């Protein structure tokens, strides 16, 4: 009986390992299915990340939620908010956003019933619209730094002149 006990123990151990391996494989396979489903706002942001425009139609409330959920760096350094607002305007007209620079301007009503316009069609057609995206203006921090540099130069010059005037009063030769 002693020789049969180790064989049956090995079989039981092997069977237990196979069952545990089966559970592990089943758990790994079901993890994607159990993953948190993305909200419609997250789907809009993912749609924008794909090609910098929203290509599908979503429920209207999702567009506002997507804008509210955008990280600050995405809001500040990309056109995500503008692209989502443009897609919202087209969605409210039950149209897909055509994307690109040749957008047809449309107006829509937001939840506060105020009309938001994406541009004047006459200005866009005649090319009179103002382009604020280019490097046509000097950044404000650069202006502030230039002003501070100017003040420091003036203060340094004033200090030099004051030192020379004081040296003349004392009768000392001016130090160079």
N, C-alpha and C. Protein backbone atom coordinates (compact mmCIF):
# COMPACT_ATOMS: atom_id res chain seq x y z
N UNK A 1 0.80 -1.21 0.00
CA UNK A 1 0.00 0.00 0.00
C UNK A 1 0.84 1.27 0.00
N UNK A 2 1.99 1.21 0.53
CA UNK A 2 2.84 2.38 0.57
C UNK A 2 3.21 2.86 -0.83
N UNK A 3 3.52 1.95 -1.82
CA UNK A 3 3.84 2.47 -3.13
C UNK A 3 2.65 3.13 -3.81
N UNK A 4 1.42 2.76 -3.57
CA UNK A 4 0.25 3.35 -4.23
C UNK A 4 -0.09 4.72 -3.67
N UNK A 5 0.23 5.00 -2.45
CA UNK A 5 -0.08 6.29 -1.84
C UNK A 5 0.67 7.42 -2.53
N UNK A 6 1.95 7.31 -2.80
CA UNK A 6 2.62 8.40 -3.49
C UNK A 6 2.10 8.61 -4.91
N UNK A 7 1.70 7.54 -5.62
CA UNK A 7 1.17 7.69 -6.97
C UNK A 7 -0.17 8.41 -6.94
N UNK A 8 -1.05 8.05 -6.03
CA UNK A 8 -2.34 8.72 -5.93
C UNK A 8 -2.18 10.15 -5.44
N UNK A 9 -1.19 10.38 -4.59
CA UNK A 9 -0.91 11.73 -4.12
C UNK A 9 -0.40 12.60 -5.27
N UNK A 10 0.46 12.04 -6.12
CA UNK A 10 0.96 12.76 -7.28
C UNK A 10 -0.18 13.09 -8.25
N UNK A 11 -1.07 12.12 -8.44
CA UNK A 11 -2.21 12.35 -9.33
C UNK A 11 -3.12 13.45 -8.77
N UNK A 12 -3.36 13.43 -7.51
CA UNK A 12 -4.21 14.44 -6.88
C UNK A 12 -3.56 15.82 -6.98
N UNK A 13 -2.25 15.86 -6.75
CA UNK A 13 -1.53 17.13 -6.86
C UNK A 13 -1.55 17.64 -8.28
N UNK A 14 -1.32 16.74 -9.25
CA UNK A 14 -1.34 17.13 -10.65
C UNK A 14 -2.74 17.62 -11.05
N UNK A 15 -3.77 16.91 -10.60
CA UNK A 15 -5.14 17.33 -10.90
C UNK A 15 -5.45 18.69 -10.27
N UNK A 16 -4.99 18.93 -9.04
CA UNK A 16 -5.22 20.22 -8.38
C UNK A 16 -4.49 21.33 -9.13
N UNK A 17 -3.26 21.07 -9.59
CA UNK A 17 -2.51 22.07 -10.36
C UNK A 17 -3.19 22.36 -11.69
N UNK A 18 -3.71 21.34 -12.34
CA UNK A 18 -4.42 21.56 -13.61
C UNK A 18 -5.70 22.38 -13.39
N UNK A 19 -6.42 22.11 -12.32
CA UNK A 19 -7.63 22.87 -12.01
C UNK A 19 -7.27 24.32 -11.71
N UNK A 20 -6.20 24.54 -10.93
CA UNK A 20 -5.77 25.91 -10.62
C UNK A 20 -5.31 26.64 -11.90
N UNK A 21 -4.59 25.93 -12.77
CA UNK A 21 -4.17 26.54 -14.02
C UNK A 21 -5.39 26.89 -14.88
N UNK A 22 -6.39 26.03 -14.89
CA UNK A 22 -7.62 26.32 -15.64
C UNK A 22 -8.31 27.56 -15.10
N UNK A 23 -8.39 27.67 -13.77
CA UNK A 23 -9.00 28.87 -13.17
C UNK A 23 -8.19 30.12 -13.49
N UNK A 24 -6.87 30.01 -13.48
CA UNK A 24 -6.02 31.16 -13.79
C UNK A 24 -6.23 31.61 -15.24
N UNK A 25 -6.27 30.64 -16.16
CA UNK A 25 -6.50 30.98 -17.57
C UNK A 25 -7.89 31.61 -17.74
N UNK A 26 -8.89 31.05 -17.08
CA UNK A 26 -10.25 31.61 -17.19
C UNK A 26 -10.31 33.02 -16.62
N UNK A 27 -9.60 33.25 -15.51
CA UNK A 27 -9.59 34.58 -14.91
C UNK A 27 -8.90 35.58 -15.83
N UNK A 28 -7.80 35.18 -16.45
CA UNK A 28 -7.08 36.08 -17.36
C UNK A 28 -7.90 36.38 -18.61
N UNK A 29 -8.64 35.40 -19.09
CA UNK A 29 -9.44 35.60 -20.29
C UNK A 29 -10.65 36.49 -20.02
N UNK A 30 -11.17 36.44 -18.80
CA UNK A 30 -12.37 37.23 -18.50
C UNK A 30 -12.04 38.63 -18.01
N UNK A 31 -10.78 38.92 -17.74
CA UNK A 31 -10.40 40.25 -17.25
C UNK A 31 -10.78 41.35 -18.23
N UNK A 32 -10.52 41.20 -19.55
CA UNK A 32 -10.96 42.26 -20.46
C UNK A 32 -12.48 42.41 -20.49
N UNK A 33 -13.18 41.33 -20.36
CA UNK A 33 -14.64 41.41 -20.37
C UNK A 33 -15.16 42.09 -19.11
N UNK A 34 -14.42 41.93 -18.02
CA UNK A 34 -14.85 42.54 -16.77
C UNK A 34 -14.30 43.95 -16.60
N UNK A 35 -13.48 44.40 -17.52
CA UNK A 35 -12.91 45.74 -17.44
C UNK A 35 -14.02 46.78 -17.46
N UNK A 36 -13.75 47.90 -16.82
CA UNK A 36 -14.73 48.98 -16.75
C UNK A 36 -15.03 49.50 -18.15
N UNK A 37 -16.29 49.51 -18.50
CA UNK A 37 -16.67 50.04 -19.81
C UNK A 37 -16.53 51.56 -19.78
N UNK A 38 -16.01 52.11 -20.86
CA UNK A 38 -15.76 53.54 -20.91
C UNK A 38 -17.07 54.31 -21.00
N UNK A 39 -17.09 55.47 -20.37
CA UNK A 39 -18.26 56.33 -20.47
C UNK A 39 -18.29 56.94 -21.86
N UNK A 40 -19.43 57.52 -22.21
CA UNK A 40 -19.53 58.13 -23.53
C UNK A 40 -18.60 59.33 -23.65
N UNK A 41 -18.35 60.04 -22.55
CA UNK A 41 -17.42 61.17 -22.59
C UNK A 41 -16.01 60.68 -22.88
N UNK A 42 -15.60 59.57 -22.26
CA UNK A 42 -14.28 59.00 -22.52
C UNK A 42 -14.19 58.50 -23.97
N UNK A 43 -15.28 57.98 -24.50
CA UNK A 43 -15.29 57.53 -25.88
C UNK A 43 -15.11 58.70 -26.84
N UNK A 44 -15.70 59.85 -26.51
CA UNK A 44 -15.54 61.04 -27.36
C UNK A 44 -14.09 61.50 -27.35
N UNK A 45 -13.47 61.53 -26.17
CA UNK A 45 -12.07 61.95 -26.07
C UNK A 45 -11.18 60.97 -26.83
N UNK A 46 -11.45 59.66 -26.71
CA UNK A 46 -10.69 58.67 -27.46
C UNK A 46 -10.88 58.85 -28.96
N UNK A 47 -12.11 59.18 -29.36
CA UNK A 47 -12.40 59.43 -30.78
C UNK A 47 -11.60 60.64 -31.26
N UNK A 48 -11.49 61.67 -30.42
CA UNK A 48 -10.71 62.85 -30.80
C UNK A 48 -9.22 62.51 -30.89
N UNK A 49 -8.70 61.72 -29.94
CA UNK A 49 -7.29 61.35 -29.96
C UNK A 49 -6.91 60.63 -31.25
N UNK A 50 -7.86 59.92 -31.83
CA UNK A 50 -7.59 59.14 -33.03
C UNK A 50 -7.08 60.01 -34.18
N UNK A 51 -7.80 61.10 -34.49
CA UNK A 51 -7.40 61.95 -35.63
C UNK A 51 -7.76 63.42 -35.40
N UNK A 52 -7.85 63.84 -34.15
CA UNK A 52 -8.14 65.22 -33.75
C UNK A 52 -9.49 65.72 -34.26
N UNK A 53 -10.44 64.83 -34.41
CA UNK A 53 -11.83 65.20 -34.65
C UNK A 53 -12.72 64.08 -34.16
N UNK A 54 -13.98 64.39 -33.92
CA UNK A 54 -14.94 63.42 -33.43
C UNK A 54 -15.71 62.90 -34.65
N UNK A 55 -15.52 61.62 -34.96
CA UNK A 55 -16.05 61.05 -36.18
C UNK A 55 -17.42 60.39 -36.03
N UNK A 56 -17.86 60.15 -34.81
CA UNK A 56 -19.11 59.42 -34.59
C UNK A 56 -20.11 60.32 -33.88
N UNK A 57 -21.36 59.90 -33.88
CA UNK A 57 -22.41 60.63 -33.17
C UNK A 57 -22.60 60.00 -31.79
N UNK A 58 -22.72 60.85 -30.79
CA UNK A 58 -22.90 60.41 -29.41
C UNK A 58 -24.09 61.17 -28.84
N UNK A 59 -24.63 60.72 -27.70
CA UNK A 59 -25.68 61.51 -27.05
C UNK A 59 -25.16 62.91 -26.72
N UNK A 60 -26.02 63.88 -26.81
CA UNK A 60 -25.62 65.28 -26.69
C UNK A 60 -24.96 65.59 -25.35
N UNK A 61 -25.45 65.02 -24.28
CA UNK A 61 -24.87 65.32 -22.96
C UNK A 61 -23.42 64.84 -22.86
N UNK A 62 -23.05 63.87 -23.65
CA UNK A 62 -21.69 63.30 -23.59
C UNK A 62 -20.63 64.32 -24.03
N UNK A 63 -20.99 65.20 -24.96
CA UNK A 63 -20.03 66.19 -25.45
C UNK A 63 -19.65 67.15 -24.33
N UNK A 64 -20.64 67.63 -23.58
CA UNK A 64 -20.34 68.54 -22.45
C UNK A 64 -19.53 67.82 -21.38
N UNK A 65 -19.90 66.55 -21.11
CA UNK A 65 -19.16 65.78 -20.11
C UNK A 65 -17.72 65.56 -20.57
N UNK A 66 -17.53 65.36 -21.86
CA UNK A 66 -16.17 65.18 -22.39
C UNK A 66 -15.35 66.45 -22.20
N UNK A 67 -15.94 67.61 -22.47
CA UNK A 67 -15.23 68.87 -22.29
C UNK A 67 -14.92 69.10 -20.82
N UNK A 68 -15.90 68.83 -19.94
CA UNK A 68 -15.67 69.01 -18.51
C UNK A 68 -14.59 68.06 -17.98
N UNK A 69 -14.46 66.89 -18.59
CA UNK A 69 -13.51 65.90 -18.12
C UNK A 69 -12.12 65.99 -18.74
N UNK A 70 -11.93 66.94 -19.67
CA UNK A 70 -10.62 67.06 -20.30
C UNK A 70 -9.57 67.51 -19.29
N UNK A 71 -8.41 66.90 -19.29
CA UNK A 71 -7.32 67.38 -18.43
C UNK A 71 -6.91 68.80 -18.85
N UNK A 72 -6.39 69.57 -17.90
CA UNK A 72 -6.03 70.95 -18.18
C UNK A 72 -4.99 71.08 -19.28
N UNK A 73 -4.02 70.17 -19.33
CA UNK A 73 -3.00 70.30 -20.36
C UNK A 73 -3.59 70.07 -21.75
N UNK A 74 -4.57 69.19 -21.86
CA UNK A 74 -5.21 68.96 -23.15
C UNK A 74 -6.05 70.18 -23.53
N UNK A 75 -6.74 70.77 -22.54
CA UNK A 75 -7.54 71.98 -22.83
C UNK A 75 -6.65 73.14 -23.26
N UNK A 76 -5.50 73.29 -22.58
CA UNK A 76 -4.66 74.45 -22.83
C UNK A 76 -3.77 74.31 -24.07
N UNK A 77 -3.35 73.11 -24.38
CA UNK A 77 -2.34 72.95 -25.42
C UNK A 77 -2.82 72.19 -26.66
N UNK A 78 -4.11 72.02 -26.80
CA UNK A 78 -4.62 71.36 -28.00
C UNK A 78 -5.96 71.99 -28.37
N UNK A 79 -6.50 71.56 -29.49
CA UNK A 79 -7.80 72.08 -29.92
C UNK A 79 -8.92 71.10 -29.59
N UNK A 80 -8.69 70.24 -28.59
CA UNK A 80 -9.69 69.23 -28.25
C UNK A 80 -11.03 69.86 -27.90
N UNK A 81 -11.01 70.90 -27.07
CA UNK A 81 -12.25 71.53 -26.65
C UNK A 81 -12.99 72.11 -27.86
N UNK A 82 -12.27 72.78 -28.74
CA UNK A 82 -12.89 73.35 -29.94
C UNK A 82 -13.44 72.26 -30.85
N UNK A 83 -12.69 71.18 -31.01
CA UNK A 83 -13.13 70.09 -31.88
C UNK A 83 -14.38 69.42 -31.32
N UNK A 84 -14.43 69.25 -30.01
CA UNK A 84 -15.60 68.63 -29.39
C UNK A 84 -16.80 69.56 -29.48
N UNK A 85 -16.58 70.87 -29.27
CA UNK A 85 -17.68 71.83 -29.44
C UNK A 85 -18.19 71.85 -30.87
N UNK A 86 -17.28 71.78 -31.82
CA UNK A 86 -17.68 71.74 -33.23
C UNK A 86 -18.50 70.48 -33.51
N UNK A 87 -18.04 69.34 -32.97
CA UNK A 87 -18.78 68.09 -33.16
C UNK A 87 -20.14 68.17 -32.49
N UNK A 88 -20.22 68.86 -31.35
CA UNK A 88 -21.51 69.05 -30.68
C UNK A 88 -22.45 69.87 -31.54
N UNK A 89 -21.93 70.91 -32.16
CA UNK A 89 -22.76 71.74 -33.03
C UNK A 89 -23.33 70.91 -34.18
N UNK A 90 -22.48 70.10 -34.79
CA UNK A 90 -22.96 69.25 -35.88
C UNK A 90 -23.91 68.18 -35.36
N UNK A 91 -23.65 67.67 -34.16
CA UNK A 91 -24.52 66.64 -33.58
C UNK A 91 -25.90 67.21 -33.33
N UNK A 92 -25.97 68.45 -32.88
CA UNK A 92 -27.27 69.06 -32.62
C UNK A 92 -28.03 69.30 -33.92
N UNK A 93 -27.31 69.33 -35.02
CA UNK A 93 -27.95 69.43 -36.33
C UNK A 93 -28.13 68.03 -36.94
N UNK A 94 -27.86 67.00 -36.15
CA UNK A 94 -27.94 65.60 -36.58
C UNK A 94 -27.06 65.32 -37.79
N UNK A 95 -25.86 65.89 -37.79
CA UNK A 95 -24.90 65.66 -38.85
C UNK A 95 -23.57 65.25 -38.25
N UNK A 96 -22.79 64.54 -39.04
CA UNK A 96 -21.42 64.22 -38.63
C UNK A 96 -20.52 65.42 -38.88
N UNK A 97 -19.54 65.60 -38.02
CA UNK A 97 -18.55 66.66 -38.20
C UNK A 97 -17.67 66.32 -39.39
N UNK A 98 -17.66 67.16 -40.44
CA UNK A 98 -16.84 66.84 -41.60
C UNK A 98 -15.36 67.02 -41.34
N UNK A 99 -14.98 67.76 -40.30
CA UNK A 99 -13.57 67.96 -39.98
C UNK A 99 -12.89 68.85 -41.00
N UNK A 100 -11.60 69.05 -40.82
CA UNK A 100 -10.83 69.84 -41.77
C UNK A 100 -11.04 71.32 -41.59
N UNK A 101 -10.42 72.11 -42.48
CA UNK A 101 -10.47 73.56 -42.35
C UNK A 101 -11.64 74.16 -43.11
N UNK A 102 -12.27 73.41 -44.01
CA UNK A 102 -13.37 73.95 -44.79
C UNK A 102 -14.71 73.67 -44.14
N UNK A 103 -14.81 73.92 -42.86
CA UNK A 103 -16.05 73.64 -42.16
C UNK A 103 -17.14 74.62 -42.55
N UNK A 104 -18.33 74.11 -42.66
CA UNK A 104 -19.43 75.04 -42.88
C UNK A 104 -19.89 75.51 -41.52
N UNK A 105 -19.93 76.80 -41.28
CA UNK A 105 -20.30 77.31 -39.97
C UNK A 105 -21.80 77.12 -39.75
N UNK A 106 -22.12 76.67 -38.57
CA UNK A 106 -23.52 76.53 -38.20
C UNK A 106 -23.70 77.07 -36.79
N UNK A 107 -24.90 77.38 -36.44
CA UNK A 107 -25.22 77.85 -35.09
C UNK A 107 -26.06 76.78 -34.42
N UNK A 108 -25.96 76.69 -33.12
CA UNK A 108 -26.78 75.73 -32.39
C UNK A 108 -27.16 76.33 -31.06
N UNK A 109 -28.14 75.73 -30.43
CA UNK A 109 -28.58 76.17 -29.11
C UNK A 109 -27.99 75.21 -28.08
N UNK A 110 -27.34 75.77 -27.07
CA UNK A 110 -26.83 74.90 -26.02
C UNK A 110 -27.90 74.75 -24.94
N UNK A 111 -27.54 74.14 -23.82
CA UNK A 111 -28.53 73.85 -22.79
C UNK A 111 -29.08 75.11 -22.14
N UNK A 112 -28.35 76.22 -22.21
CA UNK A 112 -28.82 77.48 -21.63
C UNK A 112 -29.63 78.29 -22.63
N UNK A 113 -29.93 77.70 -23.80
CA UNK A 113 -30.71 78.34 -24.85
C UNK A 113 -30.06 79.60 -25.41
N UNK A 114 -28.77 79.69 -25.30
CA UNK A 114 -28.10 80.80 -25.95
C UNK A 114 -27.49 80.27 -27.25
N UNK A 115 -27.51 81.07 -28.27
CA UNK A 115 -27.03 80.63 -29.57
C UNK A 115 -25.52 80.77 -29.62
N UNK A 116 -24.86 79.71 -30.04
CA UNK A 116 -23.42 79.72 -30.21
C UNK A 116 -23.16 79.54 -31.69
N UNK A 117 -22.36 80.43 -32.25
CA UNK A 117 -22.08 80.36 -33.68
C UNK A 117 -20.63 79.97 -33.89
N UNK A 118 -20.39 79.17 -34.90
CA UNK A 118 -19.03 78.76 -35.22
C UNK A 118 -18.37 79.69 -36.23
N UNK A 119 -18.99 80.79 -36.55
CA UNK A 119 -18.38 81.73 -37.47
C UNK A 119 -19.39 82.30 -38.44
N UNK A 120 -19.03 83.39 -39.03
CA UNK A 120 -19.88 84.04 -40.01
C UNK A 120 -19.56 83.45 -41.38
N UNK A 121 -20.54 82.85 -42.06
CA UNK A 121 -20.26 82.22 -43.35
C UNK A 121 -19.72 83.21 -44.37
N UNK A 122 -20.16 84.48 -44.34
CA UNK A 122 -19.69 85.45 -45.31
C UNK A 122 -18.22 85.77 -45.11
N UNK A 123 -17.79 85.89 -43.81
CA UNK A 123 -16.39 86.17 -43.53
C UNK A 123 -15.51 85.01 -43.93
N UNK A 124 -15.97 83.78 -43.63
CA UNK A 124 -15.17 82.62 -43.96
C UNK A 124 -15.05 82.44 -45.47
N UNK A 125 -16.11 82.74 -46.20
CA UNK A 125 -16.07 82.57 -47.65
C UNK A 125 -15.16 83.61 -48.30
N UNK A 126 -15.14 84.82 -47.76
CA UNK A 126 -14.33 85.87 -48.38
C UNK A 126 -12.91 85.90 -47.83
N UNK A 127 -12.62 85.07 -46.84
CA UNK A 127 -11.27 85.02 -46.28
C UNK A 127 -10.95 86.18 -45.36
N UNK A 128 -11.96 86.87 -44.80
CA UNK A 128 -11.72 88.03 -43.94
C UNK A 128 -11.65 87.66 -42.48
N UNK A 129 -11.76 86.38 -42.16
CA UNK A 129 -11.77 86.01 -40.75
C UNK A 129 -10.37 86.18 -40.18
N UNK A 130 -10.28 86.46 -38.90
CA UNK A 130 -9.01 86.69 -38.23
C UNK A 130 -8.43 85.36 -37.80
N UNK A 131 -7.18 85.14 -38.12
CA UNK A 131 -6.50 83.94 -37.70
C UNK A 131 -5.66 84.27 -36.47
N UNK A 132 -6.02 83.71 -35.33
CA UNK A 132 -5.29 83.97 -34.08
C UNK A 132 -4.35 82.83 -33.75
N UNK A 133 -4.22 81.87 -34.63
CA UNK A 133 -3.39 80.71 -34.33
C UNK A 133 -1.92 80.93 -34.66
N UNK A 134 -1.61 81.93 -35.44
CA UNK A 134 -0.24 82.14 -35.87
C UNK A 134 0.59 82.90 -34.85
N UNK A 135 1.90 82.98 -35.10
CA UNK A 135 2.79 83.68 -34.18
C UNK A 135 2.82 85.18 -34.45
N UNK A 136 1.67 85.80 -34.55
CA UNK A 136 1.62 87.21 -34.91
C UNK A 136 1.71 88.15 -33.71
N UNK A 137 1.63 87.64 -32.52
CA UNK A 137 1.69 88.52 -31.35
C UNK A 137 2.81 88.06 -30.42
N UNK A 138 3.30 89.00 -29.62
CA UNK A 138 4.37 88.71 -28.67
C UNK A 138 3.74 88.19 -27.39
N UNK A 139 4.23 87.08 -26.84
CA UNK A 139 3.65 86.55 -25.60
C UNK A 139 3.83 87.51 -24.44
N UNK A 140 2.84 87.59 -23.59
CA UNK A 140 2.85 88.51 -22.45
C UNK A 140 4.03 88.25 -21.50
N UNK A 141 4.37 86.98 -21.18
CA UNK A 141 5.53 86.79 -20.29
C UNK A 141 6.81 87.39 -20.87
N UNK A 142 6.96 87.36 -22.17
CA UNK A 142 8.15 87.95 -22.80
C UNK A 142 8.15 89.46 -22.64
N UNK A 143 7.01 90.09 -22.73
CA UNK A 143 6.89 91.53 -22.53
C UNK A 143 7.25 91.89 -21.09
N UNK A 144 6.76 91.10 -20.14
CA UNK A 144 7.05 91.36 -18.72
C UNK A 144 8.55 91.22 -18.45
N UNK A 145 9.15 90.16 -18.99
CA UNK A 145 10.59 89.97 -18.77
C UNK A 145 11.41 91.09 -19.40
N UNK A 146 11.03 91.55 -20.57
CA UNK A 146 11.74 92.66 -21.21
C UNK A 146 11.61 93.92 -20.37
N UNK A 147 10.45 94.16 -19.80
CA UNK A 147 10.25 95.32 -18.93
C UNK A 147 11.12 95.24 -17.69
N UNK A 148 11.20 94.06 -17.08
CA UNK A 148 12.05 93.90 -15.90
C UNK A 148 13.52 94.09 -16.26
N UNK A 149 13.94 93.57 -17.40
CA UNK A 149 15.34 93.76 -17.83
C UNK A 149 15.63 95.24 -18.03
N UNK A 150 14.70 95.97 -18.63
CA UNK A 150 14.89 97.41 -18.81
C UNK A 150 15.01 98.14 -17.48
N UNK A 151 14.16 97.78 -16.52
CA UNK A 151 14.24 98.41 -15.20
C UNK A 151 15.56 98.12 -14.52
N UNK A 152 16.06 96.89 -14.63
CA UNK A 152 17.36 96.55 -14.04
C UNK A 152 18.50 97.34 -14.69
N UNK A 153 18.45 97.52 -16.00
CA UNK A 153 19.48 98.32 -16.67
C UNK A 153 19.43 99.78 -16.20
N UNK A 154 18.23 100.32 -16.07
CA UNK A 154 18.08 101.70 -15.60
C UNK A 154 18.61 101.84 -14.17
N UNK A 155 18.25 100.86 -13.31
CA UNK A 155 18.72 100.92 -11.92
C UNK A 155 20.23 100.79 -11.84
N UNK A 156 20.81 99.92 -12.65
CA UNK A 156 22.27 99.78 -12.65
C UNK A 156 22.95 101.05 -13.13
N UNK A 157 22.41 101.67 -14.18
CA UNK A 157 22.97 102.94 -14.67
C UNK A 157 22.87 104.04 -13.64
N UNK A 158 21.73 104.10 -12.96
CA UNK A 158 21.55 105.12 -11.92
C UNK A 158 22.53 104.90 -10.78
N UNK A 159 22.78 103.66 -10.41
CA UNK A 159 23.75 103.36 -9.35
C UNK A 159 25.16 103.77 -9.75
N UNK A 160 25.52 103.55 -10.98
CA UNK A 160 26.85 103.92 -11.48
C UNK A 160 27.02 105.44 -11.45
N UNK A 161 26.01 106.16 -11.94
CA UNK A 161 26.07 107.63 -11.95
C UNK A 161 26.14 108.15 -10.52
N UNK A 162 25.35 107.59 -9.62
CA UNK A 162 25.35 108.05 -8.23
C UNK A 162 26.72 107.82 -7.58
N UNK A 163 27.36 106.70 -7.88
CA UNK A 163 28.68 106.42 -7.32
C UNK A 163 29.71 107.42 -7.83
N UNK A 164 29.67 107.77 -9.10
CA UNK A 164 30.61 108.75 -9.66
C UNK A 164 30.38 110.14 -9.08
N UNK A 165 29.11 110.54 -8.93
CA UNK A 165 28.80 111.87 -8.36
C UNK A 165 29.30 111.91 -6.92
N UNK A 166 29.10 110.85 -6.15
CA UNK A 166 29.55 110.82 -4.75
C UNK A 166 31.06 110.89 -4.67
N UNK A 167 31.73 110.23 -5.59
CA UNK A 167 33.20 110.25 -5.59
C UNK A 167 33.71 111.65 -5.89
N UNK A 168 33.10 112.39 -6.78
CA UNK A 168 33.52 113.76 -7.09
C UNK A 168 33.31 114.68 -5.89
N UNK A 169 32.23 114.47 -5.17
CA UNK A 169 31.96 115.31 -3.98
C UNK A 169 33.02 115.10 -2.92
N UNK A 170 33.46 113.86 -2.78
CA UNK A 170 34.45 113.55 -1.76
C UNK A 170 35.85 113.94 -2.21
N UNK A 171 36.04 114.30 -3.45
CA UNK A 171 37.33 114.68 -3.96
C UNK A 171 38.19 113.51 -4.36
N UNK A 172 37.67 112.33 -4.33
CA UNK A 172 38.41 111.14 -4.74
C UNK A 172 38.36 111.03 -6.26
N UNK A 173 39.42 110.45 -6.81
CA UNK A 173 39.36 110.20 -8.26
C UNK A 173 38.30 109.14 -8.52
N UNK A 174 37.55 109.27 -9.60
CA UNK A 174 36.50 108.28 -9.87
C UNK A 174 37.10 106.92 -10.13
N UNK A 175 36.50 105.91 -9.51
CA UNK A 175 36.95 104.52 -9.71
C UNK A 175 36.37 104.00 -10.99
N UNK A 176 37.22 103.39 -11.76
CA UNK A 176 36.76 102.87 -13.06
C UNK A 176 36.36 101.46 -12.93
